Amino acid sequence: MLAQITPTMWADYVGGQFDVLDDPAKPFCLTLTRIVEHIKTERNEAFSIFFHGPPAPFMPQGIRKLKHSQLGELSLFLVPIGQDKDGFEYEAVFNHMLK
């Protein structure tokens, strides 16, 4: 996938659709809704990206294979963090050392 994942690389894709490829017989999409930067120092960066998905199927936390028309396929550890009348919200957290 990508050599270095940063919050800014996701900015162009907010509002974009990501296909969930875990079960080809039951395809569905997630929408990237927002990016939240937690901390950035000289040596470390932490941020989250949030997705909204449909009310069904519910995805328990785990590594999910996603596909985006421009980013291609990527695997993210997604955690369900909330539910509203339209579906579920999922979060992926990134924490890495900077070069």
N, C-alpha and C. Protein backbone atom coordinates (compact mmCIF):
# COMPACT_ATOMS: atom_id res chain seq x y z
N MET A 1 0.84 -1.18 0.00
CA MET A 1 0.00 0.00 0.00
C MET A 1 0.88 1.23 0.00
N LEU A 2 0.75 2.07 1.00
CA LEU A 2 1.45 3.34 1.04
C LEU A 2 2.67 3.25 1.94
N ALA A 3 3.75 3.90 1.56
CA ALA A 3 4.97 3.85 2.34
C ALA A 3 4.80 4.52 3.69
N GLN A 4 4.18 5.68 3.74
CA GLN A 4 4.00 6.42 4.99
C GLN A 4 2.57 6.92 5.07
N ILE A 5 1.86 6.50 6.08
CA ILE A 5 0.47 6.93 6.26
C ILE A 5 0.46 8.16 7.16
N THR A 6 -0.12 9.24 6.67
CA THR A 6 -0.20 10.49 7.42
C THR A 6 -1.64 11.00 7.41
N PRO A 7 -1.98 11.89 8.34
CA PRO A 7 -3.34 12.45 8.32
C PRO A 7 -3.65 13.21 7.03
N THR A 8 -2.66 13.93 6.51
CA THR A 8 -2.93 14.74 5.31
C THR A 8 -3.22 13.90 4.08
N MET A 9 -2.66 12.68 4.01
CA MET A 9 -2.94 11.84 2.84
C MET A 9 -4.39 11.41 2.77
N TRP A 10 -5.10 11.42 3.90
CA TRP A 10 -6.50 11.03 3.92
C TRP A 10 -7.45 12.18 3.59
N ALA A 11 -6.98 13.42 3.70
CA ALA A 11 -7.86 14.59 3.58
C ALA A 11 -8.66 14.62 2.27
N ASP A 12 -8.04 14.26 1.18
CA ASP A 12 -8.73 14.28 -0.11
C ASP A 12 -9.82 13.23 -0.23
N TYR A 13 -9.84 12.26 0.69
CA TYR A 13 -10.77 11.14 0.58
C TYR A 13 -11.93 11.21 1.57
N VAL A 14 -11.99 12.29 2.38
CA VAL A 14 -13.12 12.45 3.30
C VAL A 14 -14.39 12.57 2.45
N GLY A 15 -15.38 11.79 2.79
CA GLY A 15 -16.61 11.72 2.02
C GLY A 15 -16.58 10.63 0.97
N GLY A 16 -15.42 10.01 0.78
CA GLY A 16 -15.26 8.95 -0.22
C GLY A 16 -15.70 7.59 0.27
N GLN A 17 -15.97 6.73 -0.69
CA GLN A 17 -16.46 5.38 -0.42
C GLN A 17 -15.30 4.37 -0.44
N PHE A 18 -15.33 3.45 0.52
CA PHE A 18 -14.37 2.36 0.61
C PHE A 18 -15.16 1.06 0.63
N ASP A 19 -14.92 0.21 -0.36
CA ASP A 19 -15.59 -1.09 -0.42
C ASP A 19 -14.97 -2.03 0.61
N VAL A 20 -15.81 -2.74 1.35
CA VAL A 20 -15.35 -3.76 2.30
C VAL A 20 -15.30 -5.07 1.54
N LEU A 21 -14.11 -5.68 1.48
CA LEU A 21 -13.90 -6.88 0.66
C LEU A 21 -13.90 -8.16 1.47
N ASP A 22 -14.25 -8.12 2.74
CA ASP A 22 -14.17 -9.31 3.60
C ASP A 22 -15.04 -10.46 3.12
N ASP A 23 -16.24 -10.17 2.65
CA ASP A 23 -17.15 -11.22 2.20
C ASP A 23 -17.72 -10.81 0.84
N PRO A 24 -17.13 -11.32 -0.25
CA PRO A 24 -17.59 -10.93 -1.59
C PRO A 24 -19.08 -11.20 -1.85
N ALA A 25 -19.67 -12.14 -1.10
CA ALA A 25 -21.08 -12.45 -1.28
C ALA A 25 -21.98 -11.37 -0.67
N LYS A 26 -21.41 -10.55 0.25
CA LYS A 26 -22.19 -9.51 0.91
C LYS A 26 -21.44 -8.18 0.85
N PRO A 27 -21.33 -7.59 -0.33
CA PRO A 27 -20.57 -6.35 -0.45
C PRO A 27 -21.29 -5.17 0.20
N PHE A 28 -20.51 -4.27 0.77
CA PHE A 28 -21.03 -3.00 1.28
C PHE A 28 -19.89 -2.00 1.36
N CYS A 29 -20.24 -0.74 1.61
CA CYS A 29 -19.25 0.34 1.62
C CYS A 29 -19.22 1.05 2.96
N LEU A 30 -18.08 1.62 3.25
CA LEU A 30 -17.90 2.54 4.36
C LEU A 30 -17.58 3.91 3.77
N THR A 31 -17.99 4.96 4.45
CA THR A 31 -17.68 6.32 4.04
C THR A 31 -16.69 6.91 5.04
N LEU A 32 -15.58 7.43 4.53
CA LEU A 32 -14.62 8.12 5.38
C LEU A 32 -15.24 9.45 5.79
N THR A 33 -15.42 9.65 7.11
CA THR A 33 -16.15 10.84 7.57
C THR A 33 -15.26 11.94 8.13
N ARG A 34 -14.15 11.56 8.79
CA ARG A 34 -13.31 12.60 9.39
C ARG A 34 -11.96 12.04 9.79
N ILE A 35 -11.06 12.98 10.05
CA ILE A 35 -9.70 12.68 10.50
C ILE A 35 -9.48 13.51 11.76
N VAL A 36 -8.93 12.87 12.79
CA VAL A 36 -8.63 13.59 14.03
C VAL A 36 -7.17 13.36 14.38
N GLU A 37 -6.42 14.45 14.44
CA GLU A 37 -5.02 14.36 14.85
C GLU A 37 -4.96 14.42 16.37
N HIS A 38 -4.28 13.43 16.99
CA HIS A 38 -4.19 13.37 18.44
C HIS A 38 -2.93 14.06 18.96
N ILE A 39 -1.80 13.74 18.35
CA ILE A 39 -0.54 14.32 18.80
C ILE A 39 0.47 14.24 17.67
N LYS A 40 1.32 15.25 17.61
CA LYS A 40 2.44 15.21 16.67
C LYS A 40 3.61 15.92 17.33
N THR A 41 4.71 15.21 17.47
CA THR A 41 5.93 15.76 18.02
C THR A 41 7.02 15.59 16.98
N GLU A 42 8.24 15.93 17.34
CA GLU A 42 9.36 15.71 16.42
C GLU A 42 9.52 14.24 16.06
N ARG A 43 9.16 13.37 16.99
CA ARG A 43 9.45 11.95 16.83
C ARG A 43 8.23 11.05 16.65
N ASN A 44 7.05 11.55 16.95
CA ASN A 44 5.89 10.68 16.99
C ASN A 44 4.66 11.39 16.43
N GLU A 45 3.76 10.59 15.84
CA GLU A 45 2.50 11.11 15.32
C GLU A 45 1.41 10.10 15.60
N ALA A 46 0.27 10.59 16.09
CA ALA A 46 -0.88 9.72 16.33
C ALA A 46 -2.14 10.42 15.81
N PHE A 47 -2.96 9.66 15.11
CA PHE A 47 -4.21 10.21 14.58
C PHE A 47 -5.20 9.08 14.34
N SER A 48 -6.46 9.46 14.16
CA SER A 48 -7.52 8.49 13.87
C SER A 48 -8.26 8.91 12.61
N ILE A 49 -8.77 7.91 11.92
CA ILE A 49 -9.70 8.16 10.82
C ILE A 49 -11.00 7.44 11.16
N PHE A 50 -12.11 8.03 10.78
CA PHE A 50 -13.42 7.51 11.14
C PHE A 50 -14.23 7.22 9.88
N PHE A 51 -14.93 6.11 9.94
CA PHE A 51 -15.79 5.67 8.84
C PHE A 51 -17.21 5.49 9.34
N HIS A 52 -18.18 5.70 8.45
CA HIS A 52 -19.57 5.38 8.76
C HIS A 52 -20.01 4.27 7.83
N GLY A 53 -20.67 3.26 8.42
CA GLY A 53 -21.16 2.13 7.64
C GLY A 53 -22.64 1.93 7.83
N PRO A 54 -23.21 1.03 7.06
CA PRO A 54 -24.66 0.78 7.13
C PRO A 54 -25.04 0.07 8.44
N PRO A 55 -26.35 0.00 8.72
CA PRO A 55 -26.81 -0.69 9.93
C PRO A 55 -26.56 -2.19 9.88
N ALA A 56 -26.44 -2.75 8.69
CA ALA A 56 -26.13 -4.17 8.55
C ALA A 56 -25.27 -4.32 7.31
N PRO A 57 -24.26 -5.12 7.36
CA PRO A 57 -23.87 -5.94 8.51
C PRO A 57 -23.06 -5.14 9.52
N PHE A 58 -23.14 -5.56 10.77
CA PHE A 58 -22.29 -5.01 11.82
C PHE A 58 -20.93 -5.71 11.72
N MET A 59 -19.86 -4.93 11.84
CA MET A 59 -18.51 -5.52 11.81
C MET A 59 -17.89 -5.42 13.19
N PRO A 60 -17.62 -6.56 13.84
CA PRO A 60 -16.88 -6.49 15.09
C PRO A 60 -15.45 -6.03 14.80
N GLN A 61 -14.74 -5.60 15.83
CA GLN A 61 -13.38 -5.13 15.60
C GLN A 61 -12.52 -6.20 14.97
N GLY A 62 -11.62 -5.76 14.11
CA GLY A 62 -10.72 -6.68 13.44
C GLY A 62 -10.09 -6.04 12.23
N ILE A 63 -9.21 -6.77 11.60
CA ILE A 63 -8.55 -6.29 10.40
C ILE A 63 -9.50 -6.49 9.23
N ARG A 64 -9.76 -5.41 8.51
CA ARG A 64 -10.68 -5.44 7.38
C ARG A 64 -9.94 -5.03 6.11
N LYS A 65 -10.24 -5.73 5.04
CA LYS A 65 -9.66 -5.38 3.74
C LYS A 65 -10.62 -4.43 3.05
N LEU A 66 -10.10 -3.24 2.72
CA LEU A 66 -10.89 -2.21 2.06
C LEU A 66 -10.30 -1.91 0.69
N LYS A 67 -11.13 -1.36 -0.18
CA LYS A 67 -10.66 -0.97 -1.50
C LYS A 67 -11.23 0.41 -1.83
N HIS A 68 -10.35 1.27 -2.30
CA HIS A 68 -10.73 2.61 -2.72
C HIS A 68 -10.30 2.78 -4.17
N SER A 69 -11.07 3.53 -4.94
CA SER A 69 -10.79 3.67 -6.38
C SER A 69 -9.42 4.28 -6.65
N GLN A 70 -8.91 5.13 -5.78
CA GLN A 70 -7.60 5.74 -6.02
C GLN A 70 -6.50 5.16 -5.13
N LEU A 71 -6.83 4.77 -3.91
CA LEU A 71 -5.82 4.24 -2.99
C LEU A 71 -5.54 2.75 -3.20
N GLY A 72 -6.47 2.08 -3.87
CA GLY A 72 -6.32 0.64 -4.06
C GLY A 72 -6.77 -0.13 -2.82
N GLU A 73 -6.21 -1.33 -2.63
CA GLU A 73 -6.58 -2.17 -1.50
C GLU A 73 -5.69 -1.88 -0.31
N LEU A 74 -6.30 -1.86 0.86
CA LEU A 74 -5.56 -1.67 2.10
C LEU A 74 -6.24 -2.44 3.22
N SER A 75 -5.47 -2.85 4.19
CA SER A 75 -6.00 -3.54 5.35
C SER A 75 -5.88 -2.62 6.56
N LEU A 76 -6.99 -2.43 7.27
CA LEU A 76 -7.01 -1.57 8.45
C LEU A 76 -7.65 -2.32 9.61
N PHE A 77 -7.14 -2.06 10.82
CA PHE A 77 -7.78 -2.58 12.02
C PHE A 77 -8.86 -1.58 12.40
N LEU A 78 -10.12 -1.97 12.25
CA LEU A 78 -11.26 -1.10 12.53
C LEU A 78 -11.96 -1.54 13.80
N VAL A 79 -12.37 -0.55 14.59
CA VAL A 79 -13.08 -0.80 15.84
C VAL A 79 -14.42 -0.07 15.79
N PRO A 80 -15.52 -0.77 16.05
CA PRO A 80 -16.81 -0.06 16.11
C PRO A 80 -16.84 0.81 17.37
N ILE A 81 -17.23 2.07 17.20
CA ILE A 81 -17.23 2.97 18.35
C ILE A 81 -18.58 3.61 18.63
N GLY A 82 -19.55 3.39 17.76
CA GLY A 82 -20.86 3.99 18.00
C GLY A 82 -21.87 3.55 16.97
N GLN A 83 -23.11 3.86 17.28
CA GLN A 83 -24.22 3.53 16.38
C GLN A 83 -25.20 4.68 16.39
N ASP A 84 -25.75 4.98 15.23
CA ASP A 84 -26.85 5.93 15.13
C ASP A 84 -27.96 5.31 14.29
N LYS A 85 -28.98 6.07 14.00
CA LYS A 85 -30.12 5.49 13.26
C LYS A 85 -29.74 5.04 11.84
N ASP A 86 -28.63 5.58 11.32
CA ASP A 86 -28.22 5.26 9.95
C ASP A 86 -27.16 4.18 9.84
N GLY A 87 -26.61 3.73 10.97
CA GLY A 87 -25.59 2.69 10.91
C GLY A 87 -24.57 2.79 12.02
N PHE A 88 -23.35 2.31 11.71
CA PHE A 88 -22.29 2.22 12.71
C PHE A 88 -21.11 3.10 12.34
N GLU A 89 -20.41 3.58 13.37
CA GLU A 89 -19.18 4.33 13.16
C GLU A 89 -18.00 3.46 13.57
N TYR A 90 -16.94 3.51 12.77
CA TYR A 90 -15.73 2.71 13.00
C TYR A 90 -14.52 3.64 13.03
N GLU A 91 -13.52 3.25 13.82
CA GLU A 91 -12.30 4.05 13.96
C GLU A 91 -11.08 3.20 13.66
N ALA A 92 -10.12 3.79 12.96
CA ALA A 92 -8.78 3.21 12.78
C ALA A 92 -7.79 4.19 13.38
N VAL A 93 -6.91 3.71 14.24
CA VAL A 93 -5.94 4.56 14.93
C VAL A 93 -4.55 4.28 14.38
N PHE A 94 -3.81 5.34 14.13
CA PHE A 94 -2.43 5.24 13.64
C PHE A 94 -1.51 5.92 14.65
N ASN A 95 -0.43 5.26 14.98
CA ASN A 95 0.56 5.80 15.90
C ASN A 95 1.91 5.33 15.40
N HIS A 96 2.75 6.28 14.95
CA HIS A 96 4.03 5.85 14.40
C HIS A 96 5.12 6.88 14.65
N MET A 97 6.35 6.40 14.58
CA MET A 97 7.50 7.28 14.74
C MET A 97 7.77 7.96 13.41
N LEU A 98 8.17 9.21 13.49
CA LEU A 98 8.52 9.96 12.29
C LEU A 98 9.99 9.78 11.99
N LYS A 99 10.34 9.92 10.74
CA LYS A 99 11.73 9.76 10.34
C LYS A 99 12.60 10.90 10.81
